[in-house]
Amino acid sequence: HLEGLAKLVTAVKKEGSAIGIRLSHAGAKTSEEVCGETP
């Protein structure tokens, strides 16, 4: 995931803006098909 995120950060900062990211865990709000196991 790092290469794409680094490109995103570089592109946004080139325009002069600051950038942050929200770190998430869906917990029970997902499915086995999506997350690969029992939520």
Full PDB file with SEQRES, HELIX, SHEET, SSBOND, CRYST1, ORIGX, SCALE, CONECT and MASTER records, all heavy atoms in Angstrom:
SEQRES   1 A   39  HIS LEU GLU GLY LEU ALA LYS LEU VAL THR ALA VAL LYS          
SEQRES   2 A   39  LYS GLU GLY SER ALA ILE GLY ILE ARG LEU SER HIS ALA          
SEQRES   3 A   39  GLY ALA LYS THR SER GLU GLU VAL CYS GLY GLU THR PRO          
HELIX    1 AA1 LEU A    2  LYS A   14  1                                  13    
HELIX    2 AA2 GLU A   32  CYS A   35  1                                   4    
CRYST1    1.000    1.000    1.000  90.00  90.00  90.00 P 1           1          
ORIGX1      1.000000  0.000000  0.000000        0.00000                         
ORIGX2      0.000000  1.000000  0.000000        0.00000                         
ORIGX3      0.000000  0.000000  1.000000        0.00000                         
SCALE1      1.000000  0.000000  0.000000        0.00000                         
SCALE2      0.000000  1.000000  0.000000        0.00000                         
SCALE3      0.000000  0.000000  1.000000        0.00000                         
ATOM      1  N   HIS A   1       0.808  -1.214   0.000  1.00  0.00           N  
ATOM      2  CA  HIS A   1       0.000   0.000   0.000  1.00  0.00           C  
ATOM      3  C   HIS A   1       0.845   1.269   0.000  1.00  0.00           C  
ATOM      4  O   HIS A   1       0.336   2.361  -0.283  1.00  0.00           O  
ATOM      5  CB  HIS A   1      -0.925   0.019   1.225  1.00  0.00           C  
ATOM      6  CG  HIS A   1      -1.951  -1.063   1.218  1.00  0.00           C  
ATOM      7  ND1 HIS A   1      -2.385  -1.697   2.365  1.00  0.00           N  
ATOM      8  CD2 HIS A   1      -2.640  -1.640   0.205  1.00  0.00           C  
ATOM      9  CE1 HIS A   1      -3.288  -2.605   2.065  1.00  0.00           C  
ATOM     10  NE2 HIS A   1      -3.458  -2.594   0.751  1.00  0.00           N  
ATOM     11  N   LEU A   2       2.118   1.155   0.353  1.00  0.00           N  
ATOM     12  CA  LEU A   2       2.942   2.329   0.595  1.00  0.00           C  
ATOM     13  C   LEU A   2       3.220   3.151  -0.659  1.00  0.00           C  
ATOM     14  O   LEU A   2       3.185   4.393  -0.610  1.00  0.00           O  
ATOM     15  CB  LEU A   2       4.265   1.925   1.246  1.00  0.00           C  
ATOM     16  CG  LEU A   2       4.169   1.283   2.636  1.00  0.00           C  
ATOM     17  CD1 LEU A   2       5.559   0.990   3.179  1.00  0.00           C  
ATOM     18  CD2 LEU A   2       3.406   2.173   3.589  1.00  0.00           C  
ATOM     19  N   GLU A   3       3.498   2.514  -1.769  1.00  0.00           N  
ATOM     20  CA  GLU A   3       3.876   3.251  -2.978  1.00  0.00           C  
ATOM     21  C   GLU A   3       2.766   4.217  -3.397  1.00  0.00           C  
ATOM     22  O   GLU A   3       3.019   5.397  -3.663  1.00  0.00           O  
ATOM     23  CB  GLU A   3       4.191   2.281  -4.112  1.00  0.00           C  
ATOM     24  CG  GLU A   3       4.625   2.991  -5.388  1.00  0.00           C  
ATOM     25  CD  GLU A   3       4.960   2.026  -6.516  1.00  0.00           C  
ATOM     26  OE1 GLU A   3       4.900   0.800  -6.306  1.00  0.00           O  
ATOM     27  OE2 GLU A   3       5.292   2.509  -7.631  1.00  0.00           O  
ATOM     28  N   GLY A   4       1.529   3.733  -3.459  1.00  0.00           N  
ATOM     29  CA  GLY A   4       0.423   4.582  -3.869  1.00  0.00           C  
ATOM     30  C   GLY A   4       0.144   5.692  -2.875  1.00  0.00           C  
ATOM     31  O   GLY A   4      -0.141   6.833  -3.264  1.00  0.00           O  
ATOM     32  N   LEU A   5       0.222   5.380  -1.588  1.00  0.00           N  
ATOM     33  CA  LEU A   5      -0.003   6.399  -0.564  1.00  0.00           C  
ATOM     34  C   LEU A   5       1.061   7.486  -0.632  1.00  0.00           C  
ATOM     35  O   LEU A   5       0.763   8.672  -0.475  1.00  0.00           O  
ATOM     36  CB  LEU A   5      -0.015   5.752   0.826  1.00  0.00           C  
ATOM     37  CG  LEU A   5      -1.236   4.890   1.156  1.00  0.00           C  
ATOM     38  CD1 LEU A   5      -0.998   4.093   2.443  1.00  0.00           C  
ATOM     39  CD2 LEU A   5      -2.494   5.750   1.290  1.00  0.00           C  
ATOM     40  N   ALA A   6       2.310   7.076  -0.879  1.00  0.00           N  
ATOM     41  CA  ALA A   6       3.390   8.057  -0.992  1.00  0.00           C  
ATOM     42  C   ALA A   6       3.161   8.970  -2.200  1.00  0.00           C  
ATOM     43  O   ALA A   6       3.396  10.181  -2.130  1.00  0.00           O  
ATOM     44  CB  ALA A   6       4.735   7.343  -1.110  1.00  0.00           C  
ATOM     45  N   LYS A   7       2.688   8.428  -3.308  1.00  0.00           N  
ATOM     46  CA  LYS A   7       2.387   9.235  -4.489  1.00  0.00           C  
ATOM     47  C   LYS A   7       1.263  10.224  -4.190  1.00  0.00           C  
ATOM     48  O   LYS A   7       1.304  11.376  -4.618  1.00  0.00           O  
ATOM     49  CB  LYS A   7       2.000   8.337  -5.668  1.00  0.00           C  
ATOM     50  CG  LYS A   7       3.144   7.554  -6.266  1.00  0.00           C  
ATOM     51  CD  LYS A   7       2.674   6.693  -7.425  1.00  0.00           C  
ATOM     52  CE  LYS A   7       3.827   5.917  -8.048  1.00  0.00           C  
ATOM     53  NZ  LYS A   7       3.375   5.040  -9.168  1.00  0.00           N  
ATOM     54  N   LEU A   8       0.258   9.766  -3.437  1.00  0.00           N  
ATOM     55  CA  LEU A   8      -0.850  10.636  -3.061  1.00  0.00           C  
ATOM     56  C   LEU A   8      -0.355  11.795  -2.199  1.00  0.00           C  
ATOM     57  O   LEU A   8      -0.712  12.961  -2.439  1.00  0.00           O  
ATOM     58  CB  LEU A   8      -1.906   9.826  -2.310  1.00  0.00           C  
ATOM     59  CG  LEU A   8      -3.064  10.604  -1.692  1.00  0.00           C  
ATOM     60  CD1 LEU A   8      -3.839  11.362  -2.762  1.00  0.00           C  
ATOM     61  CD2 LEU A   8      -3.989   9.657  -0.927  1.00  0.00           C  
ATOM     62  N   VAL A   9       0.451  11.487  -1.212  1.00  0.00           N  
ATOM     63  CA  VAL A   9       0.992  12.519  -0.321  1.00  0.00           C  
ATOM     64  C   VAL A   9       1.813  13.538  -1.116  1.00  0.00           C  
ATOM     65  O   VAL A   9       1.658  14.759  -0.954  1.00  0.00           O  
ATOM     66  CB  VAL A   9       1.844  11.889   0.796  1.00  0.00           C  
ATOM     67  CG1 VAL A   9       2.603  12.969   1.565  1.00  0.00           C  
ATOM     68  CG2 VAL A   9       0.964  11.091   1.749  1.00  0.00           C  
ATOM     69  N   THR A  10       2.673  13.050  -1.988  1.00  0.00           N  
ATOM     70  CA  THR A  10       3.525  13.940  -2.785  1.00  0.00           C  
ATOM     71  C   THR A  10       2.688  14.855  -3.667  1.00  0.00           C  
ATOM     72  O   THR A  10       2.958  16.068  -3.763  1.00  0.00           O  
ATOM     73  CB  THR A  10       4.487  13.110  -3.654  1.00  0.00           C  
ATOM     74  OG1 THR A  10       5.332  12.326  -2.807  1.00  0.00           O  
ATOM     75  CG2 THR A  10       5.344  14.020  -4.529  1.00  0.00           C  
ATOM     76  N   ALA A  11       1.639  14.309  -4.281  1.00  0.00           N  
ATOM     77  CA  ALA A  11       0.796  15.095  -5.178  1.00  0.00           C  
ATOM     78  C   ALA A  11       0.050  16.189  -4.428  1.00  0.00           C  
ATOM     79  O   ALA A  11      -0.057  17.331  -4.906  1.00  0.00           O  
ATOM     80  CB  ALA A  11      -0.189  14.174  -5.897  1.00  0.00           C  
ATOM     81  N   VAL A  12      -0.471  15.859  -3.240  1.00  0.00           N  
ATOM     82  CA  VAL A  12      -1.219  16.845  -2.454  1.00  0.00           C  
ATOM     83  C   VAL A  12      -0.286  17.935  -1.926  1.00  0.00           C  
ATOM     84  O   VAL A  12      -0.593  19.127  -2.000  1.00  0.00           O  
ATOM     85  CB  VAL A  12      -1.969  16.154  -1.297  1.00  0.00           C  
ATOM     86  CG1 VAL A  12      -2.484  17.180  -0.280  1.00  0.00           C  
ATOM     87  CG2 VAL A  12      -3.122  15.322  -1.834  1.00  0.00           C  
ATOM     88  N   LYS A  13       0.863  17.542  -1.402  1.00  0.00           N  
ATOM     89  CA  LYS A  13       1.798  18.525  -0.857  1.00  0.00           C  
ATOM     90  C   LYS A  13       2.373  19.423  -1.944  1.00  0.00           C  
ATOM     91  O   LYS A  13       2.709  20.589  -1.686  1.00  0.00           O  
ATOM     92  CB  LYS A  13       2.908  17.817  -0.082  1.00  0.00           C  
ATOM     93  CG  LYS A  13       2.439  17.209   1.227  1.00  0.00           C  
ATOM     94  CD  LYS A  13       3.602  16.709   2.061  1.00  0.00           C  
ATOM     95  CE  LYS A  13       3.145  16.233   3.425  1.00  0.00           C  
ATOM     96  NZ  LYS A  13       4.271  15.801   4.282  1.00  0.00           N  
ATOM     97  N   LYS A  14       2.471  18.914  -3.154  1.00  0.00           N  
ATOM     98  CA  LYS A  14       2.939  19.730  -4.268  1.00  0.00           C  
ATOM     99  C   LYS A  14       2.007  20.909  -4.502  1.00  0.00           C  
ATOM    100  O   LYS A  14       2.438  21.982  -4.946  1.00  0.00           O  
ATOM    101  CB  LYS A  14       3.040  18.879  -5.533  1.00  0.00           C  
ATOM    102  CG  LYS A  14       3.627  19.601  -6.719  1.00  0.00           C  
ATOM    103  CD  LYS A  14       3.744  18.683  -7.929  1.00  0.00           C  
ATOM    104  CE  LYS A  14       4.333  19.407  -9.133  1.00  0.00           C  
ATOM    105  NZ  LYS A  14       4.435  18.510 -10.320  1.00  0.00           N  
ATOM    106  N   GLU A  15       0.737  20.717  -4.165  1.00  0.00           N  
ATOM    107  CA  GLU A  15      -0.256  21.794  -4.316  1.00  0.00           C  
ATOM    108  C   GLU A  15      -0.295  22.710  -3.091  1.00  0.00           C  
ATOM    109  O   GLU A  15      -1.078  23.659  -3.046  1.00  0.00           O  
ATOM    110  CB  GLU A  15      -1.639  21.200  -4.566  1.00  0.00           C  
ATOM    111  CG  GLU A  15      -1.737  20.328  -5.798  1.00  0.00           C  
ATOM    112  CD  GLU A  15      -1.398  21.060  -7.084  1.00  0.00           C  
ATOM    113  OE1 GLU A  15      -1.610  22.298  -7.133  1.00  0.00           O  
ATOM    114  OE2 GLU A  15      -0.919  20.416  -8.035  1.00  0.00           O  
ATOM    115  N   GLY A  16       0.509  22.391  -2.066  1.00  0.00           N  
ATOM    116  CA  GLY A  16       0.629  23.259  -0.905  1.00  0.00           C  
ATOM    117  C   GLY A  16      -0.254  22.910   0.279  1.00  0.00           C  
ATOM    118  O   GLY A  16      -0.246  23.621   1.288  1.00  0.00           O  
ATOM    119  N   SER A  17      -1.021  21.827   0.183  1.00  0.00           N  
ATOM    120  CA  SER A  17      -1.934  21.457   1.269  1.00  0.00           C  
ATOM    121  C   SER A  17      -1.284  20.465   2.220  1.00  0.00           C  
ATOM    122  O   SER A  17      -0.349  19.739   1.851  1.00  0.00           O  
ATOM    123  CB  SER A  17      -3.220  20.844   0.701  1.00  0.00           C  
ATOM    124  OG  SER A  17      -3.913  21.776  -0.099  1.00  0.00           O  
ATOM    125  N   ALA A  18      -1.794  20.427   3.452  1.00  0.00           N  
ATOM    126  CA  ALA A  18      -1.400  19.405   4.414  1.00  0.00           C  
ATOM    127  C   ALA A  18      -2.303  18.189   4.228  1.00  0.00           C  
ATOM    128  O   ALA A  18      -3.413  18.296   3.706  1.00  0.00           O  
ATOM    129  CB  ALA A  18      -1.522  19.938   5.836  1.00  0.00           C  
ATOM    130  N   ILE A  19      -1.843  17.030   4.679  1.00  0.00           N  
ATOM    131  CA  ILE A  19      -2.613  15.804   4.475  1.00  0.00           C  
ATOM    132  C   ILE A  19      -2.432  14.850   5.649  1.00  0.00           C  
ATOM    133  O   ILE A  19      -1.328  14.683   6.170  1.00  0.00           O  
ATOM    134  CB  ILE A  19      -2.211  15.122   3.142  1.00  0.00           C  
ATOM    135  CG1 ILE A  19      -3.070  13.876   2.882  1.00  0.00           C  
ATOM    136  CG2 ILE A  19      -0.717  14.798   3.111  1.00  0.00           C  
ATOM    137  CD1 ILE A  19      -2.876  13.291   1.483  1.00  0.00           C  
ATOM    138  N   GLY A  20      -3.525  14.277   6.088  1.00  0.00           N  
ATOM    139  CA  GLY A  20      -3.500  13.257   7.130  1.00  0.00           C  
ATOM    140  C   GLY A  20      -4.373  12.093   6.714  1.00  0.00           C  
ATOM    141  O   GLY A  20      -5.095  12.160   5.711  1.00  0.00           O  
ATOM    142  N   ILE A  21      -4.336  11.023   7.476  1.00  0.00           N  
ATOM    143  CA  ILE A  21      -5.096   9.832   7.128  1.00  0.00           C  
ATOM    144  C   ILE A  21      -5.805   9.273   8.352  1.00  0.00           C  
ATOM    145  O   ILE A  21      -5.276   9.334   9.469  1.00  0.00           O  
ATOM    146  CB  ILE A  21      -4.181   8.765   6.477  1.00  0.00           C  
ATOM    147  CG1 ILE A  21      -5.006   7.651   5.842  1.00  0.00           C  
ATOM    148  CG2 ILE A  21      -3.161   8.212   7.482  1.00  0.00           C  
ATOM    149  CD1 ILE A  21      -4.189   6.764   4.902  1.00  0.00           C  
ATOM    150  N   ARG A  22      -6.996   8.766   8.146  1.00  0.00           N  
ATOM    151  CA  ARG A  22      -7.807   8.201   9.223  1.00  0.00           C  
ATOM    152  C   ARG A  22      -7.630   6.689   9.247  1.00  0.00           C  
ATOM    153  O   ARG A  22      -7.911   6.003   8.266  1.00  0.00           O  
ATOM    154  CB  ARG A  22      -9.282   8.575   9.006  1.00  0.00           C  
ATOM    155  CG  ARG A  22     -10.190   8.239  10.163  1.00  0.00           C  
ATOM    156  CD  ARG A  22     -11.583   8.831   9.935  1.00  0.00           C  
ATOM    157  NE  ARG A  22     -11.557  10.297   9.981  1.00  0.00           N  
ATOM    158  CZ  ARG A  22     -12.580  11.063   9.603  1.00  0.00           C  
ATOM    159  NH1 ARG A  22     -13.688  10.517   9.115  1.00  0.00           N  
ATOM    160  NH2 ARG A  22     -12.475  12.378   9.701  1.00  0.00           N  
ATOM    161  N   LEU A  23      -7.155   6.169  10.369  1.00  0.00           N  
ATOM    162  CA  LEU A  23      -6.887   4.736  10.514  1.00  0.00           C  
ATOM    163  C   LEU A  23      -8.096   4.045  11.121  1.00  0.00           C  
ATOM    164  O   LEU A  23      -8.581   4.448  12.179  1.00  0.00           O  
ATOM    165  CB  LEU A  23      -5.656   4.518  11.398  1.00  0.00           C  
ATOM    166  CG  LEU A  23      -4.385   5.282  11.005  1.00  0.00           C  
ATOM    167  CD1 LEU A  23      -3.251   4.922  11.952  1.00  0.00           C  
ATOM    168  CD2 LEU A  23      -3.999   5.006   9.555  1.00  0.00           C  
ATOM    169  N   SER A  24      -8.568   2.989  10.447  1.00  0.00           N  
ATOM    170  CA  SER A  24      -9.841   2.387  10.834  1.00  0.00           C  
ATOM    171  C   SER A  24      -9.777   0.871  10.927  1.00  0.00           C  
ATOM    172  O   SER A  24      -8.976   0.212  10.258  1.00  0.00           O  
ATOM    173  CB  SER A  24     -10.936   2.756   9.828  1.00  0.00           C  
ATOM    174  OG  SER A  24     -11.191   4.135   9.812  1.00  0.00           O  
ATOM    175  N   HIS A  25     -10.665   0.348  11.760  1.00  0.00           N  
ATOM    176  CA  HIS A  25     -10.935  -1.088  11.829  1.00  0.00           C  
ATOM    177  C   HIS A  25     -12.451  -1.219  11.879  1.00  0.00           C  
ATOM    178  O   HIS A  25     -13.104  -0.644  12.752  1.00  0.00           O  
ATOM    179  CB  HIS A  25     -10.305  -1.697  13.083  1.00  0.00           C  
ATOM    180  CG  HIS A  25     -10.330  -3.201  13.117  1.00  0.00           C  
ATOM    181  ND1 HIS A  25     -11.511  -3.929  13.172  1.00  0.00           N  
ATOM    182  CD2 HIS A  25      -9.322  -4.117  13.118  1.00  0.00           C  
ATOM    183  CE1 HIS A  25     -11.223  -5.219  13.203  1.00  0.00           C  
ATOM    184  NE2 HIS A  25      -9.899  -5.362  13.162  1.00  0.00           N  
ATOM    185  N   ALA A  26     -13.017  -1.959  10.943  1.00  0.00           N  
ATOM    186  CA  ALA A  26     -14.480  -2.036  10.817  1.00  0.00           C  
ATOM    187  C   ALA A  26     -15.144  -2.776  11.957  1.00  0.00           C  
ATOM    188  O   ALA A  26     -16.349  -2.615  12.183  1.00  0.00           O  
ATOM    189  CB  ALA A  26     -14.847  -2.696   9.486  1.00  0.00           C  
ATOM    190  N   GLY A  27     -14.385  -3.594  12.681  1.00  0.00           N  
ATOM    191  CA  GLY A  27     -15.004  -4.368  13.746  1.00  0.00           C  
ATOM    192  C   GLY A  27     -16.070  -5.293  13.202  1.00  0.00           C  
ATOM    193  O   GLY A  27     -15.827  -6.060  12.261  1.00  0.00           O  
ATOM    194  N   ALA A  28     -17.269  -5.216  13.763  1.00  0.00           N  
ATOM    195  CA  ALA A  28     -18.366  -6.102  13.360  1.00  0.00           C  
ATOM    196  C   ALA A  28     -19.033  -5.659  12.069  1.00  0.00           C  
ATOM    197  O   ALA A  28     -19.843  -6.402  11.502  1.00  0.00           O  
ATOM    198  CB  ALA A  28     -19.408  -6.173  14.479  1.00  0.00           C  
ATOM    199  N   LYS A  29     -18.732  -4.457  11.592  1.00  0.00           N  
ATOM    200  CA  LYS A  29     -19.439  -3.909  10.437  1.00  0.00           C  
ATOM    201  C   LYS A  29     -18.746  -4.307   9.127  1.00  0.00           C  
ATOM    202  O   LYS A  29     -18.269  -3.483   8.355  1.00  0.00           O  
ATOM    203  CB  LYS A  29     -19.543  -2.387  10.542  1.00  0.00           C  
ATOM    204  CG  LYS A  29     -20.645  -1.813   9.691  1.00  0.00           C  
ATOM    205  CD  LYS A  29     -20.860  -0.344   9.973  1.00  0.00           C  
ATOM    206  CE  LYS A  29     -22.047   0.198   9.185  1.00  0.00           C  
ATOM    207  NZ  LYS A  29     -22.278   1.638   9.451  1.00  0.00           N  
ATOM    208  N   THR A  30     -18.708  -5.614   8.877  1.00  0.00           N  
ATOM    209  CA  THR A  30     -18.117  -6.147   7.660  1.00  0.00           C  
ATOM    210  C   THR A  30     -18.644  -7.575   7.461  1.00  0.00           C  
ATOM    211  O   THR A  30     -19.551  -8.017   8.170  1.00  0.00           O  
ATOM    212  CB  THR A  30     -16.577  -6.111   7.736  1.00  0.00           C  
ATOM    213  OG1 THR A  30     -16.041  -6.512   6.475  1.00  0.00           O  
ATOM    214  CG2 THR A  30     -16.027  -7.003   8.840  1.00  0.00           C  
ATOM    215  N   SER A  31     -18.065  -8.266   6.509  1.00  0.00           N  
ATOM    216  CA  SER A  31     -18.475  -9.642   6.231  1.00  0.00           C  
ATOM    217  C   SER A  31     -17.243 -10.501   6.002  1.00  0.00           C  
ATOM    218  O   SER A  31     -16.156  -9.992   5.694  1.00  0.00           O  
ATOM    219  CB  SER A  31     -19.368  -9.689   4.987  1.00  0.00           C  
ATOM    220  OG  SER A  31     -18.630  -9.307   3.828  1.00  0.00           O  
ATOM    221  N   GLU A  32     -17.422 -11.805   6.129  1.00  0.00           N  
ATOM    222  CA  GLU A  32     -16.303 -12.720   5.903  1.00  0.00           C  
ATOM    223  C   GLU A  32     -15.801 -12.620   4.473  1.00  0.00           C  
ATOM    224  O   GLU A  32     -14.596 -12.735   4.211  1.00  0.00           O  
ATOM    225  CB  GLU A  32     -16.723 -14.152   6.228  1.00  0.00           C  
ATOM    226  CG  GLU A  32     -15.589 -15.158   6.121  1.00  0.00           C  
ATOM    227  CD  GLU A  32     -15.971 -16.536   6.626  1.00  0.00           C  
ATOM    228  OE1 GLU A  32     -17.063 -16.689   7.214  1.00  0.00           O  
ATOM    229  OE2 GLU A  32     -15.165 -17.479   6.433  1.00  0.00           O  
ATOM    230  N   GLU A  33     -16.705 -12.401   3.532  1.00  0.00           N  
ATOM    231  CA  GLU A  33     -16.307 -12.280   2.135  1.00  0.00           C  
ATOM    232  C   GLU A  33     -15.347 -11.114   1.927  1.00  0.00           C  
ATOM    233  O   GLU A  33     -14.400 -11.203   1.145  1.00  0.00           O  
ATOM    234  CB  GLU A  33     -17.547 -12.081   1.258  1.00  0.00           C  
ATOM    235  CG  GLU A  33     -17.236 -11.938  -0.223  1.00  0.00           C  
ATOM    236  CD  GLU A  33     -18.476 -11.732  -1.070  1.00  0.00           C  
ATOM    237  OE1 GLU A  33     -19.589 -11.663  -0.496  1.00  0.00           O  
ATOM    238  OE2 GLU A  33     -18.338 -11.626  -2.310  1.00  0.00           O  
ATOM    239  N   VAL A  34     -15.564 -10.034   2.657  1.00  0.00           N  
ATOM    240  CA  VAL A  34     -14.737  -8.834   2.501  1.00  0.00           C  
ATOM    241  C   VAL A  34     -13.458  -8.902   3.323  1.00  0.00           C  
ATOM    242  O   VAL A  34     -12.377  -8.551   2.836  1.00  0.00           O  
ATOM    243  CB  VAL A  34     -15.543  -7.575   2.889  1.00  0.00           C  
ATOM    244  CG1 VAL A  34     -14.639  -6.348   2.959  1.00  0.00           C  
ATOM    245  CG2 VAL A  34     -16.661  -7.337   1.893  1.00  0.00           C  
ATOM    246  N   CYS A  35     -13.573  -9.346   4.580  1.00  0.00           N  
ATOM    247  CA  CYS A  35     -12.414  -9.279   5.478  1.00  0.00           C  
ATOM    248  C   CYS A  35     -11.658 -10.600   5.614  1.00  0.00           C  
ATOM    249  O   CYS A  35     -10.600 -10.637   6.243  1.00  0.00           O  
ATOM    250  CB  CYS A  35     -12.841  -8.771   6.858  1.00  0.00           C  
ATOM    251  SG  CYS A  35     -13.709  -9.965   7.890  1.00  0.00           S  
ATOM    252  N   GLY A  36     -12.205 -11.680   5.056  1.00  0.00           N  
ATOM    253  CA  GLY A  36     -11.479 -12.945   5.027  1.00  0.00           C  
ATOM    254  C   GLY A  36     -11.660 -13.841   6.224  1.00  0.00           C  
ATOM    255  O   GLY A  36     -11.079 -14.927   6.281  1.00  0.00           O  
ATOM    256  N   GLU A  37     -12.456 -13.418   7.209  1.00  0.00           N  
ATOM    257  CA  GLU A  37     -12.704 -14.223   8.393  1.00  0.00           C  
ATOM    258  C   GLU A  37     -13.987 -13.760   9.063  1.00  0.00           C  
ATOM    259  O   GLU A  37     -14.599 -12.777   8.632  1.00  0.00           O  
ATOM    260  CB  GLU A  37     -11.541 -14.113   9.378  1.00  0.00           C  
ATOM    261  CG  GLU A  37     -11.272 -12.696   9.863  1.00  0.00           C  
ATOM    262  CD  GLU A  37     -10.080 -12.619  10.803  1.00  0.00           C  
ATOM    263  OE1 GLU A  37      -8.940 -12.442  10.316  1.00  0.00           O  
ATOM    264  OE2 GLU A  37     -10.305 -12.750  12.023  1.00  0.00           O  
ATOM    265  N   THR A  38     -14.385 -14.446  10.109  1.00  0.00           N  
ATOM    266  CA  THR A  38     -15.553 -14.005  10.859  1.00  0.00           C  
ATOM    267  C   THR A  38     -15.266 -12.639  11.458  1.00  0.00           C  
ATOM    268  O   THR A  38     -14.245 -12.451  12.119  1.00  0.00           O  
ATOM    269  CB  THR A  38     -15.890 -14.991  11.992  1.00  0.00           C  
ATOM    270  OG1 THR A  38     -16.143 -16.284  11.435  1.00  0.00           O  
ATOM    271  CG2 THR A  38     -17.123 -14.532  12.770  1.00  0.00           C  
ATOM    272  N   PRO A  39     -16.130 -11.647  11.224  1.00  0.00           N  
ATOM    273  CA  PRO A  39     -15.892 -10.322  11.796  1.00  0.00           C  
ATOM    274  C   PRO A  39     -15.767 -10.386  13.310  1.00  0.00           C  
ATOM    275  O   PRO A  39     -16.363 -11.250  13.962  1.00  0.00           O  
ATOM    276  CB  PRO A  39     -17.132  -9.529  11.383  1.00  0.00           C  
ATOM    277  CG  PRO A  39     -17.636 -10.224  10.168  1.00  0.00           C  
ATOM    278  CD  PRO A  39     -17.340 -11.681  10.387  1.00  0.00           C  
TER     279      PRO A  39                                                      
MASTER        0    0    0    2    0    0    0    6  278    1    0    3          
END                                                                             
